[in-house]
Amino acid sequence: MPATQTELEAAAFRRLLAHLNEKRPDVQNIDLMILAGFCRNCLADWYREAASERGVEISKDHARERIYGEPFTQWKAKYQKEATPAQLAAFEAAQKKHA
């Protein structure tokens, strides 16, 4: 069962990435942070940390490319918008609430 569980978790992770990258690239990282407490950059950091725990070193850029499906700078230029004052206020409030 452990191999099956790992395969299922990996499939769910790949589906999450596909959903974020293909169906909802419009969802801003700041909105994810406000609502869920994590964003695509967090996923990239977790990916890198998991690799490091297994003795595999992955650069920040490589991890982000894996999560975003393309180099982060390209994704950012295509999809990332400047955070609004309302988003920044909501982010700050969420950070205080969950600190």
PDB file of N, CA and C in Angstrom:
ATOM      1  N   MET A   1       0.800  -1.213   0.000  1.00  0.00           N
ATOM      2  CA  MET A   1       0.000   0.000   0.000  1.00  0.00           C
ATOM      3  C   MET A   1       0.845   1.281   0.000  1.00  0.00           C
ATOM      4  N   PRO A   2       2.021   1.322   0.661  1.00  0.00           N
ATOM      5  CA  PRO A   2       2.787   2.571   0.650  1.00  0.00           C
ATOM      6  C   PRO A   2       3.109   3.069  -0.748  1.00  0.00           C
ATOM      7  N   ALA A   3       3.488   2.193  -1.669  1.00  0.00           N
ATOM      8  CA  ALA A   3       3.782   2.641  -3.034  1.00  0.00           C
ATOM      9  C   ALA A   3       2.540   3.208  -3.685  1.00  0.00           C
ATOM     10  N   THR A   4       1.410   2.565  -3.478  1.00  0.00           N
ATOM     11  CA  THR A   4       0.159   3.056  -4.041  1.00  0.00           C
ATOM     12  C   THR A   4      -0.180   4.420  -3.457  1.00  0.00           C
ATOM     13  N   GLN A   5      -0.013   4.581  -2.166  1.00  0.00           N
ATOM     14  CA  GLN A   5      -0.295   5.859  -1.521  1.00  0.00           C
ATOM     15  C   GLN A   5       0.597   6.949  -2.103  1.00  0.00           C
ATOM     16  N   THR A   6       1.872   6.667  -2.271  1.00  0.00           N
ATOM     17  CA  THR A   6       2.799   7.638  -2.850  1.00  0.00           C
ATOM     18  C   THR A   6       2.383   7.990  -4.271  1.00  0.00           C
ATOM     19  N   GLU A   7       2.001   6.980  -5.045  1.00  0.00           N
ATOM     20  CA  GLU A   7       1.553   7.227  -6.421  1.00  0.00           C
ATOM     21  C   GLU A   7       0.304   8.094  -6.443  1.00  0.00           C
ATOM     22  N   LEU A   8      -0.621   7.837  -5.538  1.00  0.00           N
ATOM     23  CA  LEU A   8      -1.855   8.627  -5.474  1.00  0.00           C
ATOM     24  C   LEU A   8      -1.565  10.069  -5.067  1.00  0.00           C
ATOM     25  N   GLU A   9      -0.693  10.224  -4.078  1.00  0.00           N
ATOM     26  CA  GLU A   9      -0.327  11.573  -3.647  1.00  0.00           C
ATOM     27  C   GLU A   9       0.377  12.329  -4.769  1.00  0.00           C
ATOM     28  N   ALA A  10       1.261  11.646  -5.493  1.00  0.00           N
ATOM     29  CA  ALA A  10       1.958  12.283  -6.615  1.00  0.00           C
ATOM     30  C   ALA A  10       0.972  12.678  -7.708  1.00  0.00           C
ATOM     31  N   ALA A  11       0.003  11.815  -7.975  1.00  0.00           N
ATOM     32  CA  ALA A  11      -1.008  12.126  -8.996  1.00  0.00           C
ATOM     33  C   ALA A  11      -1.838  13.335  -8.576  1.00  0.00           C
ATOM     34  N   ALA A  12      -2.194  13.395  -7.300  1.00  0.00           N
ATOM     35  CA  ALA A  12      -2.971  14.533  -6.804  1.00  0.00           C
ATOM     36  C   ALA A  12      -2.148  15.822  -6.907  1.00  0.00           C
ATOM     37  N   PHE A  13      -0.870  15.742  -6.595  1.00  0.00           N
ATOM     38  CA  PHE A  13       0.010  16.904  -6.695  1.00  0.00           C
ATOM     39  C   PHE A  13       0.119  17.371  -8.145  1.00  0.00           C
ATOM     40  N   ARG A  14       0.317  16.431  -9.070  1.00  0.00           N
ATOM     41  CA  ARG A  14       0.388  16.803 -10.484  1.00  0.00           C
ATOM     42  C   ARG A  14      -0.919  17.439 -10.948  1.00  0.00           C
ATOM     43  N   ARG A  15      -2.029  16.939 -10.454  1.00  0.00           N
ATOM     44  CA  ARG A  15      -3.328  17.517 -10.833  1.00  0.00           C
ATOM     45  C   ARG A  15      -3.485  18.925 -10.264  1.00  0.00           C
ATOM     46  N   LEU A  16      -3.025  19.139  -9.040  1.00  0.00           N
ATOM     47  CA  LEU A  16      -3.050  20.480  -8.451  1.00  0.00           C
ATOM     48  C   LEU A  16      -2.241  21.447  -9.311  1.00  0.00           C
ATOM     49  N   LEU A  17      -1.038  21.039  -9.701  1.00  0.00           N
ATOM     50  CA  LEU A  17      -0.212  21.902 -10.544  1.00  0.00           C
ATOM     51  C   LEU A  17      -0.882  22.175 -11.879  1.00  0.00           C
ATOM     52  N   ALA A  18      -1.448  21.152 -12.496  1.00  0.00           N
ATOM     53  CA  ALA A  18      -2.134  21.333 -13.777  1.00  0.00           C
ATOM     54  C   ALA A  18      -3.311  22.287 -13.617  1.00  0.00           C
ATOM     55  N   HIS A  19      -4.045  22.135 -12.532  1.00  0.00           N
ATOM     56  CA  HIS A  19      -5.192  23.013 -12.292  1.00  0.00           C
ATOM     57  C   HIS A  19      -4.733  24.464 -12.169  1.00  0.00           C
ATOM     58  N   LEU A  20      -3.713  24.696 -11.342  1.00  0.00           N
ATOM     59  CA  LEU A  20      -3.216  26.061 -11.146  1.00  0.00           C
ATOM     60  C   LEU A  20      -2.616  26.632 -12.422  1.00  0.00           C
ATOM     61  N   ASN A  21      -1.881  25.826 -13.175  1.00  0.00           N
ATOM     62  CA  ASN A  21      -1.149  26.326 -14.339  1.00  0.00           C
ATOM     63  C   ASN A  21      -1.982  26.386 -15.603  1.00  0.00           C
ATOM     64  N   GLU A  22      -2.885  25.446 -15.781  1.00  0.00           N
ATOM     65  CA  GLU A  22      -3.637  25.380 -17.027  1.00  0.00           C
ATOM     66  C   GLU A  22      -5.041  25.977 -16.916  1.00  0.00           C
ATOM     67  N   LYS A  23      -5.697  25.739 -15.805  1.00  0.00           N
ATOM     68  CA  LYS A  23      -7.078  26.193 -15.669  1.00  0.00           C
ATOM     69  C   LYS A  23      -7.208  27.501 -14.894  1.00  0.00           C
ATOM     70  N   ARG A  24      -6.280  27.769 -13.983  1.00  0.00           N
ATOM     71  CA  ARG A  24      -6.415  28.954 -13.141  1.00  0.00           C
ATOM     72  C   ARG A  24      -5.129  29.754 -12.981  1.00  0.00           C
ATOM     73  N   PRO A  25      -4.429  30.042 -14.079  1.00  0.00           N
ATOM     74  CA  PRO A  25      -3.236  30.880 -13.933  1.00  0.00           C
ATOM     75  C   PRO A  25      -3.597  32.299 -13.500  1.00  0.00           C
ATOM     76  N   ASP A  26      -4.890  32.630 -13.608  1.00  0.00           N
ATOM     77  CA  ASP A  26      -5.363  33.948 -13.195  1.00  0.00           C
ATOM     78  C   ASP A  26      -5.386  34.121 -11.682  1.00  0.00           C
ATOM     79  N   VAL A  27      -5.387  33.024 -10.948  1.00  0.00           N
ATOM     80  CA  VAL A  27      -5.412  33.113  -9.488  1.00  0.00           C
ATOM     81  C   VAL A  27      -4.044  33.609  -9.036  1.00  0.00           C
ATOM     82  N   GLN A  28      -4.047  34.740  -8.385  1.00  0.00           N
ATOM     83  CA  GLN A  28      -2.817  35.380  -7.953  1.00  0.00           C
ATOM     84  C   GLN A  28      -2.259  34.712  -6.698  1.00  0.00           C
ATOM     85  N   ASN A  29      -0.941  34.672  -6.599  1.00  0.00           N
ATOM     86  CA  ASN A  29      -0.297  34.085  -5.435  1.00  0.00           C
ATOM     87  C   ASN A  29      -0.746  34.764  -4.147  1.00  0.00           C
ATOM     88  N   ILE A  30      -0.921  36.075  -4.176  1.00  0.00           N
ATOM     89  CA  ILE A  30      -1.327  36.766  -2.956  1.00  0.00           C
ATOM     90  C   ILE A  30      -2.712  36.302  -2.504  1.00  0.00           C
ATOM     91  N   ASP A  31      -3.593  36.015  -3.461  1.00  0.00           N
ATOM     92  CA  ASP A  31      -4.918  35.511  -3.094  1.00  0.00           C
ATOM     93  C   ASP A  31      -4.823  34.119  -2.479  1.00  0.00           C
ATOM     94  N   LEU A  32      -3.951  33.286  -3.028  1.00  0.00           N
ATOM     95  CA  LEU A  32      -3.725  31.969  -2.423  1.00  0.00           C
ATOM     96  C   LEU A  32      -3.200  32.129  -0.994  1.00  0.00           C
ATOM     97  N   MET A  33      -2.270  33.050  -0.811  1.00  0.00           N
ATOM     98  CA  MET A  33      -1.710  33.277   0.535  1.00  0.00           C
ATOM     99  C   MET A  33      -2.783  33.763   1.505  1.00  0.00           C
ATOM    100  N   ILE A  34      -3.645  34.644   1.049  1.00  0.00           N
ATOM    101  CA  ILE A  34      -4.705  35.173   1.910  1.00  0.00           C
ATOM    102  C   ILE A  34      -5.658  34.062   2.322  1.00  0.00           C
ATOM    103  N   LEU A  35      -6.075  33.271   1.352  1.00  0.00           N
ATOM    104  CA  LEU A  35      -7.098  32.251   1.609  1.00  0.00           C
ATOM    105  C   LEU A  35      -6.557  30.949   2.178  1.00  0.00           C
ATOM    106  N   ALA A  36      -5.398  30.518   1.705  1.00  0.00           N
ATOM    107  CA  ALA A  36      -4.914  29.188   2.073  1.00  0.00           C
ATOM    108  C   ALA A  36      -3.625  29.194   2.888  1.00  0.00           C
ATOM    109  N   GLY A  37      -2.947  30.335   2.924  1.00  0.00           N
ATOM    110  CA  GLY A  37      -1.707  30.403   3.687  1.00  0.00           C
ATOM    111  C   GLY A  37      -0.501  29.836   2.947  1.00  0.00           C
ATOM    112  N   PHE A  38      -0.658  29.543   1.662  1.00  0.00           N
ATOM    113  CA  PHE A  38       0.465  29.107   0.837  1.00  0.00           C
ATOM    114  C   PHE A  38       0.202  29.534  -0.595  1.00  0.00           C
ATOM    115  N   CYS A  39       1.260  29.515  -1.395  1.00  0.00           N
ATOM    116  CA  CYS A  39       1.125  29.889  -2.805  1.00  0.00           C
ATOM    117  C   CYS A  39       2.033  28.998  -3.649  1.00  0.00           C
ATOM    118  N   ARG A  40       2.134  29.302  -4.905  1.00  0.00           N
ATOM    119  CA  ARG A  40       2.986  28.515  -5.799  1.00  0.00           C
ATOM    120  C   ARG A  40       4.446  28.550  -5.355  1.00  0.00           C
ATOM    121  N   ASN A  41       4.899  29.704  -4.865  1.00  0.00           N
ATOM    122  CA  ASN A  41       6.278  29.797  -4.390  1.00  0.00           C
ATOM    123  C   ASN A  41       6.501  28.893  -3.183  1.00  0.00           C
ATOM    124  N   CYS A  42       5.511  28.784  -2.319  1.00  0.00           N
ATOM    125  CA  CYS A  42       5.607  27.871  -1.179  1.00  0.00           C
ATOM    126  C   CYS A  42       5.741  26.435  -1.674  1.00  0.00           C
ATOM    127  N   LEU A  43       4.933  26.071  -2.670  1.00  0.00           N
ATOM    128  CA  LEU A  43       5.023  24.724  -3.237  1.00  0.00           C
ATOM    129  C   LEU A  43       6.428  24.464  -3.778  1.00  0.00           C
ATOM    130  N   ALA A  44       7.007  25.457  -4.445  1.00  0.00           N
ATOM    131  CA  ALA A  44       8.366  25.308  -4.969  1.00  0.00           C
ATOM    132  C   ALA A  44       9.370  25.129  -3.832  1.00  0.00           C
ATOM    133  N   ASP A  45       9.192  25.892  -2.760  1.00  0.00           N
ATOM    134  CA  ASP A  45      10.078  25.749  -1.603  1.00  0.00           C
ATOM    135  C   ASP A  45       9.937  24.367  -0.978  1.00  0.00           C
ATOM    136  N   TRP A  46       8.718  23.875  -0.842  1.00  0.00           N
ATOM    137  CA  TRP A  46       8.485  22.542  -0.279  1.00  0.00           C
ATOM    138  C   TRP A  46       9.081  21.461  -1.175  1.00  0.00           C
ATOM    139  N   TYR A  47       8.976  21.641  -2.475  1.00  0.00           N
ATOM    140  CA  TYR A  47       9.545  20.710  -3.442  1.00  0.00           C
ATOM    141  C   TYR A  47      11.065  20.648  -3.261  1.00  0.00           C
ATOM    142  N   ARG A  48      11.673  21.811  -3.160  1.00  0.00           N
ATOM    143  CA  ARG A  48      13.128  21.892  -2.956  1.00  0.00           C
ATOM    144  C   ARG A  48      13.546  21.262  -1.642  1.00  0.00           C
ATOM    145  N   GLU A  49      12.781  21.535  -0.583  1.00  0.00           N
ATOM    146  CA  GLU A  49      13.101  20.965   0.728  1.00  0.00           C
ATOM    147  C   GLU A  49      12.983  19.445   0.706  1.00  0.00           C
ATOM    148  N   ALA A  50      11.952  18.918   0.041  1.00  0.00           N
ATOM    149  CA  ALA A  50      11.787  17.467  -0.062  1.00  0.00           C
ATOM    150  C   ALA A  50      12.963  16.847  -0.817  1.00  0.00           C
ATOM    151  N   ALA A  51      13.410  17.519  -1.864  1.00  0.00           N
ATOM    152  CA  ALA A  51      14.564  17.033  -2.616  1.00  0.00           C
ATOM    153  C   ALA A  51      15.810  17.040  -1.733  1.00  0.00           C
ATOM    154  N   SER A  52      16.014  18.132  -1.021  1.00  0.00           N
ATOM    155  CA  SER A  52      17.185  18.262  -0.157  1.00  0.00           C
ATOM    156  C   SER A  52      17.206  17.187   0.923  1.00  0.00           C
ATOM    157  N   GLU A  53      16.045  16.887   1.492  1.00  0.00           N
ATOM    158  CA  GLU A  53      15.950  15.829   2.514  1.00  0.00           C
ATOM    159  C   GLU A  53      16.353  14.472   1.954  1.00  0.00           C
ATOM    160  N   ARG A  54      16.304  14.336   0.644  1.00  0.00           N
ATOM    161  CA  ARG A  54      16.660  13.078  -0.012  1.00  0.00           C
ATOM    162  C   ARG A  54      18.036  13.156  -0.678  1.00  0.00           C
ATOM    163  N   GLY A  55      18.786  14.215  -0.338  1.00  0.00           N
ATOM    164  CA  GLY A  55      20.134  14.366  -0.855  1.00  0.00           C
ATOM    165  C   GLY A  55      20.223  14.899  -2.273  1.00  0.00           C
ATOM    166  N   VAL A  56      19.126  15.468  -2.773  1.00  0.00           N
ATOM    167  CA  VAL A  56      19.100  16.017  -4.130  1.00  0.00           C
ATOM    168  C   VAL A  56      19.011  17.534  -4.025  1.00  0.00           C
ATOM    169  N   GLU A  57      19.993  18.212  -4.591  1.00  0.00           N
ATOM    170  CA  GLU A  57      19.984  19.668  -4.549  1.00  0.00           C
ATOM    171  C   GLU A  57      19.346  20.213  -5.820  1.00  0.00           C
ATOM    172  N   ILE A  58      18.344  21.049  -5.642  1.00  0.00           N
ATOM    173  CA  ILE A  58      17.621  21.676  -6.745  1.00  0.00           C
ATOM    174  C   ILE A  58      17.654  23.180  -6.515  1.00  0.00           C
ATOM    175  N   SER A  59      17.928  23.921  -7.540  1.00  0.00           N
ATOM    176  CA  SER A  59      17.975  25.376  -7.399  1.00  0.00           C
ATOM    177  C   SER A  59      16.559  25.930  -7.217  1.00  0.00           C
ATOM    178  N   LYS A  60      16.500  27.124  -6.665  1.00  0.00           N
ATOM    179  CA  LYS A  60      15.220  27.812  -6.491  1.00  0.00           C
ATOM    180  C   LYS A  60      14.530  27.998  -7.837  1.00  0.00           C
ATOM    181  N   ASP A  61      15.301  28.396  -8.850  1.00  0.00           N
ATOM    182  CA  ASP A  61      14.730  28.605 -10.182  1.00  0.00           C
ATOM    183  C   ASP A  61      14.197  27.306 -10.781  1.00  0.00           C
ATOM    184  N   HIS A  62      14.936  26.213 -10.619  1.00  0.00           N
ATOM    185  CA  HIS A  62      14.483  24.926 -11.154  1.00  0.00           C
ATOM    186  C   HIS A  62      13.195  24.480 -10.456  1.00  0.00           C
ATOM    187  N   ALA A  63      13.139  24.634  -9.141  1.00  0.00           N
ATOM    188  CA  ALA A  63      11.942  24.247  -8.392  1.00  0.00           C
ATOM    189  C   ALA A  63      10.738  25.079  -8.829  1.00  0.00           C
ATOM    190  N   ARG A  64      10.943  26.371  -8.996  1.00  0.00           N
ATOM    191  CA  ARG A  64       9.836  27.223  -9.435  1.00  0.00           C
ATOM    192  C   ARG A  64       9.388  26.861 -10.845  1.00  0.00           C
ATOM    193  N   GLU A  65      10.326  26.534 -11.712  1.00  0.00           N
ATOM    194  CA  GLU A  65       9.954  26.140 -13.067  1.00  0.00           C
ATOM    195  C   GLU A  65       9.122  24.859 -13.038  1.00  0.00           C
ATOM    196  N   ARG A  66       9.472  23.952 -12.157  1.00  0.00           N
ATOM    197  CA  ARG A  66       8.695  22.708 -12.020  1.00  0.00           C
ATOM    198  C   ARG A  66       7.267  23.011 -11.561  1.00  0.00           C
ATOM    199  N   ILE A  67       7.113  23.927 -10.641  1.00  0.00           N
ATOM    200  CA  ILE A  67       5.797  24.258 -10.103  1.00  0.00           C
ATOM    201  C   ILE A  67       4.992  25.107 -11.082  1.00  0.00           C
ATOM    202  N   TYR A  68       5.609  26.105 -11.671  1.00  0.00           N
ATOM    203  CA  TYR A  68       4.901  27.014 -12.571  1.00  0.00           C
ATOM    204  C   TYR A  68       4.716  26.456 -13.980  1.00  0.00           C
ATOM    205  N   GLY A  69       5.485  25.416 -14.331  1.00  0.00           N
ATOM    206  CA  GLY A  69       5.385  24.844 -15.669  1.00  0.00           C
ATOM    207  C   GLY A  69       6.159  25.621 -16.720  1.00  0.00           C
ATOM    208  N   GLU A  70       6.881  26.620 -16.300  1.00  0.00           N
ATOM    209  CA  GLU A  70       7.721  27.444 -17.170  1.00  0.00           C
ATOM    210  C   GLU A  70       8.600  28.294 -16.257  1.00  0.00           C
ATOM    211  N   PRO A  71       9.634  28.917 -16.800  1.00  0.00           N
ATOM    212  CA  PRO A  71      10.455  29.780 -15.942  1.00  0.00           C
ATOM    213  C   PRO A  71       9.573  30.819 -15.229  1.00  0.00           C
ATOM    214  N   PHE A  72       9.873  31.024 -13.966  1.00  0.00           N
ATOM    215  CA  PHE A  72       9.066  31.931 -13.142  1.00  0.00           C
ATOM    216  C   PHE A  72       8.970  33.314 -13.757  1.00  0.00           C
ATOM    217  N   THR A  73      10.053  33.822 -14.315  1.00  0.00           N
ATOM    218  CA  THR A  73      10.018  35.168 -14.894  1.00  0.00           C
ATOM    219  C   THR A  73       9.020  35.254 -16.044  1.00  0.00           C
ATOM    220  N   GLN A  74       8.920  34.188 -16.829  1.00  0.00           N
ATOM    221  CA  GLN A  74       7.943  34.174 -17.925  1.00  0.00           C
ATOM    222  C   GLN A  74       6.526  34.141 -17.374  1.00  0.00           C
ATOM    223  N   TRP A  75       6.288  33.258 -16.385  1.00  0.00           N
ATOM    224  CA  TRP A  75       4.952  33.160 -15.788  1.00  0.00           C
ATOM    225  C   TRP A  75       4.563  34.502 -15.183  1.00  0.00           C
ATOM    226  N   LYS A  76       5.488  35.092 -14.458  1.00  0.00           N
ATOM    227  CA  LYS A  76       5.225  36.370 -13.779  1.00  0.00           C
ATOM    228  C   LYS A  76       4.854  37.454 -14.793  1.00  0.00           C
ATOM    229  N   ALA A  77       5.581  37.516 -15.893  1.00  0.00           N
ATOM    230  CA  ALA A  77       5.294  38.525 -16.918  1.00  0.00           C
ATOM    231  C   ALA A  77       3.919  38.316 -17.550  1.00  0.00           C
ATOM    232  N   LYS A  78       3.506  37.077 -17.699  1.00  0.00           N
ATOM    233  CA  LYS A  78       2.217  36.777 -18.333  1.00  0.00           C
ATOM    234  C   LYS A  78       1.027  36.926 -17.389  1.00  0.00           C
ATOM    235  N   TYR A  79       1.196  36.541 -16.118  1.00  0.00           N
ATOM    236  CA  TYR A  79       0.030  36.394 -15.248  1.00  0.00           C
ATOM    237  C   TYR A  79       0.016  37.246 -13.988  1.00  0.00           C
ATOM    238  N   GLN A  80       1.167  37.557 -13.437  1.00  0.00           N
ATOM    239  CA  GLN A  80       1.162  38.232 -12.138  1.00  0.00           C
ATOM    240  C   GLN A  80       0.821  39.697 -12.283  1.00  0.00           C
ATOM    241  N   LYS A  81      -0.138  40.125 -11.492  1.00  0.00           N
ATOM    242  CA  LYS A  81      -0.537  41.531 -11.465  1.00  0.00           C
ATOM    243  C   LYS A  81      -0.017  42.172 -10.187  1.00  0.00           C
ATOM    244  N   GLU A  82       0.070  43.476 -10.219  1.00  0.00           N
ATOM    245  CA  GLU A  82       0.460  44.228  -9.021  1.00  0.00           C
ATOM    246  C   GLU A  82      -0.626  44.032  -7.965  1.00  0.00           C
ATOM    247  N   ALA A  83      -0.219  43.757  -6.742  1.00  0.00           N
ATOM    248  CA  ALA A  83      -1.182  43.582  -5.660  1.00  0.00           C
ATOM    249  C   ALA A  83      -1.904  44.892  -5.392  1.00  0.00           C
ATOM    250  N   THR A  84      -3.199  44.784  -5.193  1.00  0.00           N
ATOM    251  CA  THR A  84      -3.998  45.974  -4.893  1.00  0.00           C
ATOM    252  C   THR A  84      -3.858  46.321  -3.417  1.00  0.00           C
ATOM    253  N   PRO A  85      -4.197  47.548  -3.042  1.00  0.00           N
ATOM    254  CA  PRO A  85      -4.184  47.895  -1.621  1.00  0.00           C
ATOM    255  C   PRO A  85      -5.092  46.962  -0.804  1.00  0.00           C
ATOM    256  N   ALA A  86      -6.231  46.577  -1.362  1.00  0.00           N
ATOM    257  CA  ALA A  86      -7.142  45.659  -0.652  1.00  0.00           C
ATOM    258  C   ALA A  86      -6.491  44.294  -0.447  1.00  0.00           C
ATOM    259  N   GLN A  87      -5.797  43.789  -1.461  1.00  0.00           N
ATOM    260  CA  GLN A  87      -5.112  42.503  -1.321  1.00  0.00           C
ATOM    261  C   GLN A  87      -4.013  42.587  -0.269  1.00  0.00           C
ATOM    262  N   LEU A  88      -3.251  43.663  -0.310  1.00  0.00           N
ATOM    263  CA  LEU A  88      -2.173  43.828   0.666  1.00  0.00           C
ATOM    264  C   LEU A  88      -2.722  43.910   2.088  1.00  0.00           C
ATOM    265  N   ALA A  89      -3.826  44.609   2.269  1.00  0.00           N
ATOM    266  CA  ALA A  89      -4.445  44.707   3.594  1.00  0.00           C
ATOM    267  C   ALA A  89      -4.968  43.342   4.045  1.00  0.00           C
ATOM    268  N   ALA A  90      -5.600  42.617   3.139  1.00  0.00           N
ATOM    269  CA  ALA A  90      -6.119  41.287   3.470  1.00  0.00           C
ATOM    270  C   ALA A  90      -4.977  40.332   3.799  1.00  0.00           C
ATOM    271  N   PHE A  91      -3.880  40.441   3.065  1.00  0.00           N
ATOM    272  CA  PHE A  91      -2.709  39.605   3.327  1.00  0.00           C
ATOM    273  C   PHE A  91      -2.152  39.892   4.713  1.00  0.00           C
ATOM    274  N   GLU A  92      -2.015  41.162   5.039  1.00  0.00           N
ATOM    275  CA  GLU A  92      -1.501  41.543   6.350  1.00  0.00           C
ATOM    276  C   GLU A  92      -2.423  41.041   7.455  1.00  0.00           C
ATOM    277  N   ALA A  93      -3.718  41.182   7.271  1.00  0.00           N
ATOM    278  CA  ALA A  93      -4.672  40.703   8.277  1.00  0.00           C
ATOM    279  C   ALA A  93      -4.596  39.181   8.427  1.00  0.00           C
ATOM    280  N   ALA A  94      -4.460  38.468   7.320  1.00  0.00           N
ATOM    281  CA  ALA A  94      -4.361  37.012   7.366  1.00  0.00           C
ATOM    282  C   ALA A  94      -3.082  36.588   8.086  1.00  0.00           C
ATOM    283  N   GLN A  95      -1.989  37.302   7.834  1.00  0.00           N
ATOM    284  CA  GLN A  95      -0.731  36.981   8.491  1.00  0.00           C
ATOM    285  C   GLN A  95      -0.847  37.151  10.005  1.00  0.00           C
ATOM    286  N   LYS A  96      -1.494  38.218  10.444  1.00  0.00           N
ATOM    287  CA  LYS A  96      -1.688  38.460  11.873  1.00  0.00           C
ATOM    288  C   LYS A  96      -2.595  37.393  12.493  1.00  0.00           C
ATOM    289  N   LYS A  97      -3.644  37.045  11.760  1.00  0.00           N
ATOM    290  CA  LYS A  97      -4.624  36.069  12.256  1.00  0.00           C
ATOM    291  C   LYS A  97      -4.006  34.688  12.441  1.00  0.00           C
ATOM    292  N   HIS A  98      -3.105  34.313  11.536  1.00  0.00           N
ATOM    293  CA  HIS A  98      -2.563  32.959  11.547  1.00  0.00           C
ATOM    294  C   HIS A  98      -1.141  32.875  12.073  1.00  0.00           C
ATOM    295  N   ALA A  99      -0.651  33.954  12.656  1.00  0.00           N
ATOM    296  CA  ALA A  99       0.710  33.959  13.186  1.00  0.00           C
ATOM    297  C   ALA A  99       0.845  33.142  14.452  1.00  0.00           C
TER     298      ALA A  99
END
